[in-house]
Amino acid sequence: MGDQQIKALVLTGYGLNCDGETAYALEKAGAVADRVHINAVIDRSVPLEGYQILVFGGGFSWGDDHGAGVIQAVRMKNSIGDRILAFIEAGRLVIGICNGFQTLVNLGLLPGFDGDYGQRAVALTANDCGNFRDQWVTLAVDAASPCIFTRGIDRIDLPVRHGEGKLHAADDVVDRLAADHQVVLRYALPDGTPAADAFPHNPNGSLLDIAGICDPTGRIFGLMPHPEAFNHPGNHPDWTRWKEARRRGEGKEVPLLGTTIFENAVAYLR
């Protein structure tokens, strides 16, 4: 696409509440981000075809009534499901963050085995700890994953804030996700080694410590942590420690920002 502007559509409405910081992170990454109400996409007053990135953002769509992401998935599948599939077939990118990830698995866009974007094979269910988790986690990235969004990243810190983030699926589905390198992100210990289901490093009990998956093309990506919420070093809880280390001349390196995930998307499309 050369130097053409990369346009991202960030869904808003009905309880979604991370659209502002998501649009900000995308703008920092070099995209033009529009916050668009779901109804405007459904009634075609804002054409989906005018964008290269579609973002299902975080929040509590429809209050998570009937399950997180369920109502949003049903409404969008029944109204614009064919347009979403055409968007994907055109080689464009889709990212679902937290509630957006829950919507993607309910739509069947993930895991997308064999190009089937209508089969629901994965669930995101209630955290094993029994409560909502609002914390920072360390994530290890599979370097062999086809995921467009995580290229060049081996480890990253991001915040989670969810009550239903445990990825659950049949054994054969989980095995295939791992074997095909569709498990993009895993919860890890601070040194990057596997969390091995240890709480709170794995905050929800997700199988295989899975925090994010992609489809076989790497162009559809869903994750529970919030990359848009780490758009400045000062967002990180260790920021003051880094400042103190620099003051002492130790020069502690600041980890990759979550905006790197969006920068990868923009770079791929360009």
C-alpha atoms as a PDB file:
ATOM      1  CA  MET A   1       0.000   0.000   0.000  1.00  0.00           C
ATOM      2  CA  GLY A   2       3.057   2.232  -0.133  1.00  0.00           C
ATOM      3  CA  ASP A   3       2.681   5.574   1.608  1.00  0.00           C
ATOM      4  CA  GLN A   4      -1.102   5.350   1.590  1.00  0.00           C
ATOM      5  CA  GLN A   5      -2.770   6.239   4.880  1.00  0.00           C
ATOM      6  CA  ILE A   6      -3.588   3.177   6.947  1.00  0.00           C
ATOM      7  CA  LYS A   7      -7.074   3.561   8.395  1.00  0.00           C
ATOM      8  CA  ALA A   8      -8.266   1.695  11.471  1.00  0.00           C
ATOM      9  CA  LEU A   9     -11.869   1.348  12.562  1.00  0.00           C
ATOM     10  CA  VAL A  10     -12.242   1.108  16.352  1.00  0.00           C
ATOM     11  CA  LEU A  11     -15.680  -0.093  17.399  1.00  0.00           C
ATOM     12  CA  THR A  12     -17.556   1.787  20.123  1.00  0.00           C
ATOM     13  CA  GLY A  13     -20.923   1.551  21.813  1.00  0.00           C
ATOM     14  CA  TYR A  14     -22.990  -0.643  24.146  1.00  0.00           C
ATOM     15  CA  GLY A  15     -20.505  -0.836  27.007  1.00  0.00           C
ATOM     16  CA  LEU A  16     -17.212  -0.807  25.092  1.00  0.00           C
ATOM     17  CA  ASN A  17     -14.928   1.558  26.983  1.00  0.00           C
ATOM     18  CA  CYS A  18     -11.354   1.244  25.668  1.00  0.00           C
ATOM     19  CA  ASP A  19     -11.953   2.930  22.312  1.00  0.00           C
ATOM     20  CA  GLY A  20     -10.277   6.219  23.276  1.00  0.00           C
ATOM     21  CA  GLU A  21      -6.937   4.783  24.340  1.00  0.00           C
ATOM     22  CA  THR A  22      -7.036   2.247  21.488  1.00  0.00           C
ATOM     23  CA  ALA A  23      -7.484   4.981  18.910  1.00  0.00           C
ATOM     24  CA  TYR A  24      -4.702   6.969  20.600  1.00  0.00           C
ATOM     25  CA  ALA A  25      -2.321   3.990  20.461  1.00  0.00           C
ATOM     26  CA  LEU A  26      -3.104   3.421  16.783  1.00  0.00           C
ATOM     27  CA  GLU A  27      -2.477   7.081  15.994  1.00  0.00           C
ATOM     28  CA  LYS A  28       0.884   6.856  17.798  1.00  0.00           C
ATOM     29  CA  ALA A  29       1.642   3.826  15.614  1.00  0.00           C
ATOM     30  CA  GLY A  30       1.050   5.854  12.451  1.00  0.00           C
ATOM     31  CA  ALA A  31      -2.514   4.916  11.548  1.00  0.00           C
ATOM     32  CA  VAL A  32      -5.568   7.101  11.146  1.00  0.00           C
ATOM     33  CA  ALA A  33      -8.014   5.786  13.736  1.00  0.00           C
ATOM     34  CA  ASP A  34     -11.763   6.400  13.696  1.00  0.00           C
ATOM     35  CA  ARG A  35     -13.954   5.534  16.655  1.00  0.00           C
ATOM     36  CA  VAL A  36     -17.166   4.269  15.096  1.00  0.00           C
ATOM     37  CA  HIS A  37     -20.381   3.153  16.790  1.00  0.00           C
ATOM     38  CA  ILE A  38     -21.361  -0.428  16.032  1.00  0.00           C
ATOM     39  CA  ASN A  39     -24.703   0.755  14.645  1.00  0.00           C
ATOM     40  CA  ALA A  40     -22.956   2.952  12.067  1.00  0.00           C
ATOM     41  CA  VAL A  41     -21.131  -0.105  10.725  1.00  0.00           C
ATOM     42  CA  ILE A  42     -24.285  -2.209  10.728  1.00  0.00           C
ATOM     43  CA  ASP A  43     -26.397   0.354   8.858  1.00  0.00           C
ATOM     44  CA  ARG A  44     -23.501   1.019   6.450  1.00  0.00           C
ATOM     45  CA  SER A  45     -23.375   4.740   7.163  1.00  0.00           C
ATOM     46  CA  VAL A  46     -19.673   4.064   7.824  1.00  0.00           C
ATOM     47  CA  PRO A  47     -18.446   1.533   5.240  1.00  0.00           C
ATOM     48  CA  LEU A  48     -16.193  -1.171   6.645  1.00  0.00           C
ATOM     49  CA  GLU A  49     -14.547  -1.382   3.247  1.00  0.00           C
ATOM     50  CA  GLY A  50     -12.878   2.006   3.794  1.00  0.00           C
ATOM     51  CA  TYR A  51     -10.524   0.581   6.433  1.00  0.00           C
ATOM     52  CA  GLN A  52      -7.530  -1.744   6.576  1.00  0.00           C
ATOM     53  CA  ILE A  53      -7.633  -2.579  10.311  1.00  0.00           C
ATOM     54  CA  LEU A  54     -10.746  -3.565  12.251  1.00  0.00           C
ATOM     55  CA  VAL A  55     -10.479  -3.373  16.050  1.00  0.00           C
ATOM     56  CA  PHE A  56     -12.799  -5.147  18.442  1.00  0.00           C
ATOM     57  CA  GLY A  57     -11.782  -3.327  21.611  1.00  0.00           C
ATOM     58  CA  GLY A  58     -12.087  -3.883  25.324  1.00  0.00           C
ATOM     59  CA  GLY A  59     -14.937  -3.154  27.680  1.00  0.00           C
ATOM     60  CA  PHE A  60     -18.150  -4.905  28.619  1.00  0.00           C
ATOM     61  CA  SER A  61     -20.281  -5.073  25.469  1.00  0.00           C
ATOM     62  CA  TRP A  62     -23.944  -5.353  26.407  1.00  0.00           C
ATOM     63  CA  GLY A  63     -22.802  -5.646  30.029  1.00  0.00           C
ATOM     64  CA  ASP A  64     -21.426  -9.138  29.316  1.00  0.00           C
ATOM     65  CA  ASP A  65     -25.035 -10.311  29.640  1.00  0.00           C
ATOM     66  CA  HIS A  66     -25.362 -13.948  28.495  1.00  0.00           C
ATOM     67  CA  GLY A  67     -21.547 -14.207  28.545  1.00  0.00           C
ATOM     68  CA  ALA A  68     -18.671 -11.961  27.582  1.00  0.00           C
ATOM     69  CA  GLY A  69     -18.776 -10.974  23.919  1.00  0.00           C
ATOM     70  CA  VAL A  70     -21.752 -13.216  23.141  1.00  0.00           C
ATOM     71  CA  ILE A  71     -24.382 -10.601  22.266  1.00  0.00           C
ATOM     72  CA  GLN A  72     -21.942  -8.500  20.258  1.00  0.00           C
ATOM     73  CA  ALA A  73     -20.896 -11.576  18.282  1.00  0.00           C
ATOM     74  CA  VAL A  74     -24.482 -12.623  17.554  1.00  0.00           C
ATOM     75  CA  ARG A  75     -25.532  -9.144  16.496  1.00  0.00           C
ATOM     76  CA  MET A  76     -22.544  -8.601  14.224  1.00  0.00           C
ATOM     77  CA  LYS A  77     -22.633 -12.082  12.702  1.00  0.00           C
ATOM     78  CA  ASN A  78     -26.325 -11.770  11.829  1.00  0.00           C
ATOM     79  CA  SER A  79     -26.033  -8.251  10.401  1.00  0.00           C
ATOM     80  CA  ILE A  80     -22.573  -7.875   8.832  1.00  0.00           C
ATOM     81  CA  GLY A  81     -21.020 -11.333   9.049  1.00  0.00           C
ATOM     82  CA  ASP A  82     -20.593 -11.509   5.289  1.00  0.00           C
ATOM     83  CA  ARG A  83     -18.893  -8.112   5.191  1.00  0.00           C
ATOM     84  CA  ILE A  84     -16.468  -9.111   7.937  1.00  0.00           C
ATOM     85  CA  LEU A  85     -15.550 -12.253   5.984  1.00  0.00           C
ATOM     86  CA  ALA A  86     -15.033 -10.149   2.836  1.00  0.00           C
ATOM     87  CA  PHE A  87     -12.823  -7.794   4.875  1.00  0.00           C
ATOM     88  CA  ILE A  88     -10.657 -10.753   5.904  1.00  0.00           C
ATOM     89  CA  GLU A  89     -10.571 -12.242   2.410  1.00  0.00           C
ATOM     90  CA  ALA A  90      -9.279  -8.881   1.131  1.00  0.00           C
ATOM     91  CA  GLY A  91      -6.112  -9.386   3.202  1.00  0.00           C
ATOM     92  CA  ARG A  92      -6.914  -6.869   5.897  1.00  0.00           C
ATOM     93  CA  LEU A  93      -6.211  -7.110   9.625  1.00  0.00           C
ATOM     94  CA  VAL A  94      -8.470  -7.793  12.599  1.00  0.00           C
ATOM     95  CA  ILE A  95      -7.481  -7.505  16.259  1.00  0.00           C
ATOM     96  CA  GLY A  96      -9.666  -8.310  19.253  1.00  0.00           C
ATOM     97  CA  ILE A  97      -8.558  -7.093  22.682  1.00  0.00           C
ATOM     98  CA  CYS A  98     -10.059  -8.509  25.883  1.00  0.00           C
ATOM     99  CA  ASN A  99     -13.827  -8.237  25.258  1.00  0.00           C
ATOM    100  CA  GLY A 100     -12.925  -8.062  21.582  1.00  0.00           C
ATOM    101  CA  PHE A 101     -11.047 -11.378  21.859  1.00  0.00           C
ATOM    102  CA  GLN A 102     -14.113 -12.884  23.497  1.00  0.00           C
ATOM    103  CA  THR A 103     -16.207 -11.608  20.585  1.00  0.00           C
ATOM    104  CA  LEU A 104     -13.811 -13.047  17.983  1.00  0.00           C
ATOM    105  CA  VAL A 105     -13.969 -16.559  19.442  1.00  0.00           C
ATOM    106  CA  ASN A 106     -17.753 -16.354  19.687  1.00  0.00           C
ATOM    107  CA  LEU A 107     -17.928 -15.261  16.051  1.00  0.00           C
ATOM    108  CA  GLY A 108     -15.699 -18.172  15.071  1.00  0.00           C
ATOM    109  CA  LEU A 109     -13.090 -15.866  13.493  1.00  0.00           C
ATOM    110  CA  LEU A 110     -10.590 -17.526  15.812  1.00  0.00           C
ATOM    111  CA  PRO A 111      -8.982 -20.004  15.637  1.00  0.00           C
ATOM    112  CA  GLY A 112      -9.971 -20.156  11.942  1.00  0.00           C
ATOM    113  CA  PHE A 113      -8.674 -23.682  11.309  1.00  0.00           C
ATOM    114  CA  ASP A 114      -8.581 -24.578   7.600  1.00  0.00           C
ATOM    115  CA  GLY A 115      -9.975 -21.158   6.697  1.00  0.00           C
ATOM    116  CA  ASP A 116     -13.240 -21.825   8.543  1.00  0.00           C
ATOM    117  CA  TYR A 117     -14.222 -18.506  10.131  1.00  0.00           C
ATOM    118  CA  GLY A 118     -17.637 -19.585  11.329  1.00  0.00           C
ATOM    119  CA  GLN A 119     -16.881 -22.512  13.634  1.00  0.00           C
ATOM    120  CA  ARG A 120     -16.673 -21.802  17.333  1.00  0.00           C
ATOM    121  CA  ALA A 121     -13.951 -24.020  18.799  1.00  0.00           C
ATOM    122  CA  VAL A 122     -12.583 -21.979  21.716  1.00  0.00           C
ATOM    123  CA  ALA A 123     -14.180 -20.427  24.792  1.00  0.00           C
ATOM    124  CA  LEU A 124     -13.029 -17.706  27.172  1.00  0.00           C
ATOM    125  CA  THR A 125     -14.563 -18.470  30.541  1.00  0.00           C
ATOM    126  CA  ALA A 126     -14.529 -17.278  34.153  1.00  0.00           C
ATOM    127  CA  ASN A 127     -11.148 -16.875  35.835  1.00  0.00           C
ATOM    128  CA  ASP A 128     -10.176 -19.800  38.048  1.00  0.00           C
ATOM    129  CA  CYS A 129      -9.519 -17.389  40.922  1.00  0.00           C
ATOM    130  CA  GLY A 130     -13.215 -16.500  40.950  1.00  0.00           C
ATOM    131  CA  ASN A 131     -12.805 -12.749  40.635  1.00  0.00           C
ATOM    132  CA  PHE A 132     -11.907  -9.920  38.293  1.00  0.00           C
ATOM    133  CA  ARG A 133      -8.149  -9.434  37.757  1.00  0.00           C
ATOM    134  CA  ASP A 134      -6.634  -5.994  37.188  1.00  0.00           C
ATOM    135  CA  GLN A 135      -2.848  -6.440  37.085  1.00  0.00           C
ATOM    136  CA  TRP A 136       0.242  -6.394  34.882  1.00  0.00           C
ATOM    137  CA  VAL A 137       1.539  -9.635  33.371  1.00  0.00           C
ATOM    138  CA  THR A 138       4.648 -10.742  31.511  1.00  0.00           C
ATOM    139  CA  LEU A 139       4.003 -12.374  28.142  1.00  0.00           C
ATOM    140  CA  ALA A 140       6.249 -14.667  26.124  1.00  0.00           C
ATOM    141  CA  VAL A 141       5.812 -14.570  22.336  1.00  0.00           C
ATOM    142  CA  ASP A 142       6.170 -17.561  20.018  1.00  0.00           C
ATOM    143  CA  ALA A 143       8.764 -16.395  17.463  1.00  0.00           C
ATOM    144  CA  ALA A 144       7.510 -19.041  15.016  1.00  0.00           C
ATOM    145  CA  SER A 145       3.959 -17.687  15.066  1.00  0.00           C
ATOM    146  CA  PRO A 146       2.640 -16.237  11.790  1.00  0.00           C
ATOM    147  CA  CYS A 147       1.043 -13.373  13.762  1.00  0.00           C
ATOM    148  CA  ILE A 148       1.586 -10.042  11.990  1.00  0.00           C
ATOM    149  CA  PHE A 149       1.146  -8.017  15.167  1.00  0.00           C
ATOM    150  CA  THR A 150       3.958  -9.579  17.225  1.00  0.00           C
ATOM    151  CA  ARG A 151       6.818  -9.627  14.724  1.00  0.00           C
ATOM    152  CA  GLY A 152      10.153  -8.910  16.371  1.00  0.00           C
ATOM    153  CA  ILE A 153       8.756  -9.212  19.910  1.00  0.00           C
ATOM    154  CA  ASP A 154       9.945 -11.994  22.211  1.00  0.00           C
ATOM    155  CA  ARG A 155       8.608 -10.714  25.526  1.00  0.00           C
ATOM    156  CA  ILE A 156       6.344  -7.881  26.581  1.00  0.00           C
ATOM    157  CA  ASP A 157       4.628  -6.584  29.728  1.00  0.00           C
ATOM    158  CA  LEU A 158       0.961  -5.626  29.427  1.00  0.00           C
ATOM    159  CA  PRO A 159      -1.944  -5.096  31.815  1.00  0.00           C
ATOM    160  CA  VAL A 160      -4.959  -7.388  32.050  1.00  0.00           C
ATOM    161  CA  ARG A 161      -8.369  -6.419  33.381  1.00  0.00           C
ATOM    162  CA  HIS A 162     -10.947  -9.150  32.987  1.00  0.00           C
ATOM    163  CA  GLY A 163     -13.192 -11.592  34.802  1.00  0.00           C
ATOM    164  CA  GLU A 164     -13.537 -14.112  31.968  1.00  0.00           C
ATOM    165  CA  GLY A 165     -10.109 -14.676  30.463  1.00  0.00           C
ATOM    166  CA  LYS A 166      -9.495 -18.392  30.843  1.00  0.00           C
ATOM    167  CA  LEU A 167      -9.031 -19.965  27.424  1.00  0.00           C
ATOM    168  CA  HIS A 168     -10.660 -23.381  27.346  1.00  0.00           C
ATOM    169  CA  ALA A 169     -11.065 -25.816  24.461  1.00  0.00           C
ATOM    170  CA  ALA A 170     -11.027 -29.524  23.673  1.00  0.00           C
ATOM    171  CA  ASP A 171      -7.617 -31.172  23.960  1.00  0.00           C
ATOM    172  CA  ASP A 172      -7.294 -31.658  20.203  1.00  0.00           C
ATOM    173  CA  VAL A 173      -8.009 -27.970  19.582  1.00  0.00           C
ATOM    174  CA  VAL A 174      -5.429 -26.830  22.136  1.00  0.00           C
ATOM    175  CA  ASP A 175      -2.881 -29.283  20.753  1.00  0.00           C
ATOM    176  CA  ARG A 176      -3.446 -28.017  17.218  1.00  0.00           C
ATOM    177  CA  LEU A 177      -3.175 -24.380  18.277  1.00  0.00           C
ATOM    178  CA  ALA A 178       0.205 -25.129  19.839  1.00  0.00           C
ATOM    179  CA  ALA A 179       1.461 -27.346  17.010  1.00  0.00           C
ATOM    180  CA  ASP A 180       0.521 -24.798  14.341  1.00  0.00           C
ATOM    181  CA  HIS A 181       2.089 -21.922  16.332  1.00  0.00           C
ATOM    182  CA  GLN A 182      -1.259 -20.171  16.617  1.00  0.00           C
ATOM    183  CA  VAL A 183      -0.613 -19.674  20.330  1.00  0.00           C
ATOM    184  CA  VAL A 184       0.956 -16.248  19.999  1.00  0.00           C
ATOM    185  CA  LEU A 185       1.185 -15.158  23.635  1.00  0.00           C
ATOM    186  CA  ARG A 186       1.631 -17.118  26.844  1.00  0.00           C
ATOM    187  CA  TYR A 187       1.563 -15.838  30.405  1.00  0.00           C
ATOM    188  CA  ALA A 188       5.088 -16.029  31.818  1.00  0.00           C
ATOM    189  CA  LEU A 189       7.176 -15.420  34.898  1.00  0.00           C
ATOM    190  CA  PRO A 190       9.044 -12.081  35.032  1.00  0.00           C
ATOM    191  CA  ASP A 191      12.120 -13.721  33.457  1.00  0.00           C
ATOM    192  CA  GLY A 192      10.053 -14.893  30.457  1.00  0.00           C
ATOM    193  CA  THR A 193       9.897 -18.579  31.392  1.00  0.00           C
ATOM    194  CA  PRO A 194       6.466 -20.272  31.321  1.00  0.00           C
ATOM    195  CA  ALA A 195       4.058 -19.429  34.111  1.00  0.00           C
ATOM    196  CA  ALA A 196       3.102 -23.137  34.228  1.00  0.00           C
ATOM    197  CA  ASP A 197      -0.361 -22.156  35.484  1.00  0.00           C
ATOM    198  CA  ALA A 198       1.137 -20.413  38.539  1.00  0.00           C
ATOM    199  CA  PHE A 199      -1.146 -17.693  39.913  1.00  0.00           C
ATOM    200  CA  PRO A 200      -0.982 -14.697  39.647  1.00  0.00           C
ATOM    201  CA  HIS A 201       1.483 -14.841  36.731  1.00  0.00           C
ATOM    202  CA  ASN A 202      -1.228 -16.728  34.872  1.00  0.00           C
ATOM    203  CA  PRO A 203      -4.116 -14.624  36.188  1.00  0.00           C
ATOM    204  CA  ASN A 204      -7.008 -16.772  34.997  1.00  0.00           C
ATOM    205  CA  GLY A 205      -5.950 -20.426  34.724  1.00  0.00           C
ATOM    206  CA  SER A 206      -5.898 -20.382  30.926  1.00  0.00           C
ATOM    207  CA  LEU A 207      -4.851 -23.722  29.406  1.00  0.00           C
ATOM    208  CA  LEU A 208      -1.182 -23.812  28.376  1.00  0.00           C
ATOM    209  CA  ASP A 209      -0.925 -20.286  29.840  1.00  0.00           C
ATOM    210  CA  ILE A 210      -2.528 -19.016  26.605  1.00  0.00           C
ATOM    211  CA  ALA A 211      -3.034 -15.237  26.549  1.00  0.00           C
ATOM    212  CA  GLY A 212      -3.496 -14.704  22.807  1.00  0.00           C
ATOM    213  CA  ILE A 213      -4.010 -16.663  19.588  1.00  0.00           C
ATOM    214  CA  CYS A 214      -4.098 -15.930  15.866  1.00  0.00           C
ATOM    215  CA  ASP A 215      -5.617 -17.528  12.789  1.00  0.00           C
ATOM    216  CA  PRO A 216      -3.393 -19.527  10.393  1.00  0.00           C
ATOM    217  CA  THR A 217      -2.695 -16.421   8.268  1.00  0.00           C
ATOM    218  CA  GLY A 218      -1.562 -14.360  11.253  1.00  0.00           C
ATOM    219  CA  ARG A 219      -3.860 -11.514  10.202  1.00  0.00           C
ATOM    220  CA  ILE A 220      -6.532 -12.114  12.860  1.00  0.00           C
ATOM    221  CA  PHE A 221      -5.250 -11.755  16.403  1.00  0.00           C
ATOM    222  CA  GLY A 222      -7.033 -11.988  19.731  1.00  0.00           C
ATOM    223  CA  LEU A 223      -5.507 -11.361  23.151  1.00  0.00           C
ATOM    224  CA  MET A 224      -6.752 -10.779  26.683  1.00  0.00           C
ATOM    225  CA  PRO A 225      -4.033  -8.254  27.754  1.00  0.00           C
ATOM    226  CA  HIS A 226      -4.366  -4.613  26.680  1.00  0.00           C
ATOM    227  CA  PRO A 227      -1.563  -3.351  24.389  1.00  0.00           C
ATOM    228  CA  GLU A 228      -3.305   0.008  23.994  1.00  0.00           C
ATOM    229  CA  ALA A 229      -2.931   0.601  27.745  1.00  0.00           C
ATOM    230  CA  PHE A 230       0.873   0.593  27.516  1.00  0.00           C
ATOM    231  CA  ASN A 231       1.296   3.553  25.188  1.00  0.00           C
ATOM    232  CA  HIS A 232       3.845   5.454  27.314  1.00  0.00           C
ATOM    233  CA  PRO A 233       6.613   4.289  29.693  1.00  0.00           C
ATOM    234  CA  GLY A 234       4.793   6.045  32.530  1.00  0.00           C
ATOM    235  CA  ASN A 235       1.916   3.574  32.235  1.00  0.00           C
ATOM    236  CA  HIS A 236       4.071   0.783  33.639  1.00  0.00           C
ATOM    237  CA  PRO A 237       4.075   0.260  37.440  1.00  0.00           C
ATOM    238  CA  ASP A 238       7.886   0.015  37.443  1.00  0.00           C
ATOM    239  CA  TRP A 239       8.360   3.372  35.719  1.00  0.00           C
ATOM    240  CA  THR A 240       9.644   5.116  38.847  1.00  0.00           C
ATOM    241  CA  ARG A 241      12.189   2.324  39.401  1.00  0.00           C
ATOM    242  CA  TRP A 242      13.488   2.836  35.862  1.00  0.00           C
ATOM    243  CA  LYS A 243      13.828   6.567  36.506  1.00  0.00           C
ATOM    244  CA  GLU A 244      15.738   5.919  39.726  1.00  0.00           C
ATOM    245  CA  ALA A 245      18.028   3.396  37.977  1.00  0.00           C
ATOM    246  CA  ARG A 246      18.843   5.983  35.305  1.00  0.00           C
ATOM    247  CA  ARG A 247      19.503   8.596  37.993  1.00  0.00           C
ATOM    248  CA  ARG A 248      22.073   6.219  39.485  1.00  0.00           C
ATOM    249  CA  GLY A 249      23.607   5.759  36.045  1.00  0.00           C
ATOM    250  CA  GLU A 250      22.502   2.149  35.689  1.00  0.00           C
ATOM    251  CA  GLY A 251      20.537   2.863  32.501  1.00  0.00           C
ATOM    252  CA  LYS A 252      17.852   0.241  32.979  1.00  0.00           C
ATOM    253  CA  GLU A 253      16.175  -0.413  29.622  1.00  0.00           C
ATOM    254  CA  VAL A 254      12.456   0.292  29.332  1.00  0.00           C
ATOM    255  CA  PRO A 255      10.535  -2.699  27.893  1.00  0.00           C
ATOM    256  CA  LEU A 256       8.753  -2.562  24.565  1.00  0.00           C
ATOM    257  CA  LEU A 257       5.578  -0.515  24.626  1.00  0.00           C
ATOM    258  CA  GLY A 258       2.276  -2.139  23.718  1.00  0.00           C
ATOM    259  CA  THR A 259       2.036   0.275  20.789  1.00  0.00           C
ATOM    260  CA  THR A 260       4.682  -1.885  19.060  1.00  0.00           C
ATOM    261  CA  ILE A 261       1.870  -4.338  18.322  1.00  0.00           C
ATOM    262  CA  PHE A 262       0.005  -1.657  16.378  1.00  0.00           C
ATOM    263  CA  GLU A 263       3.195  -0.418  14.710  1.00  0.00           C
ATOM    264  CA  ASN A 264       3.717  -3.920  13.320  1.00  0.00           C
ATOM    265  CA  ALA A 265       0.222  -3.870  11.834  1.00  0.00           C
ATOM    266  CA  VAL A 266       0.802  -0.502  10.145  1.00  0.00           C
ATOM    267  CA  ALA A 267       4.216  -1.578   8.837  1.00  0.00           C
ATOM    268  CA  TYR A 268       2.762  -4.785   7.375  1.00  0.00           C
ATOM    269  CA  LEU A 269       0.023  -2.935   5.515  1.00  0.00           C
ATOM    270  CA  ARG A 270       2.505  -0.395   4.139  1.00  0.00           C
END
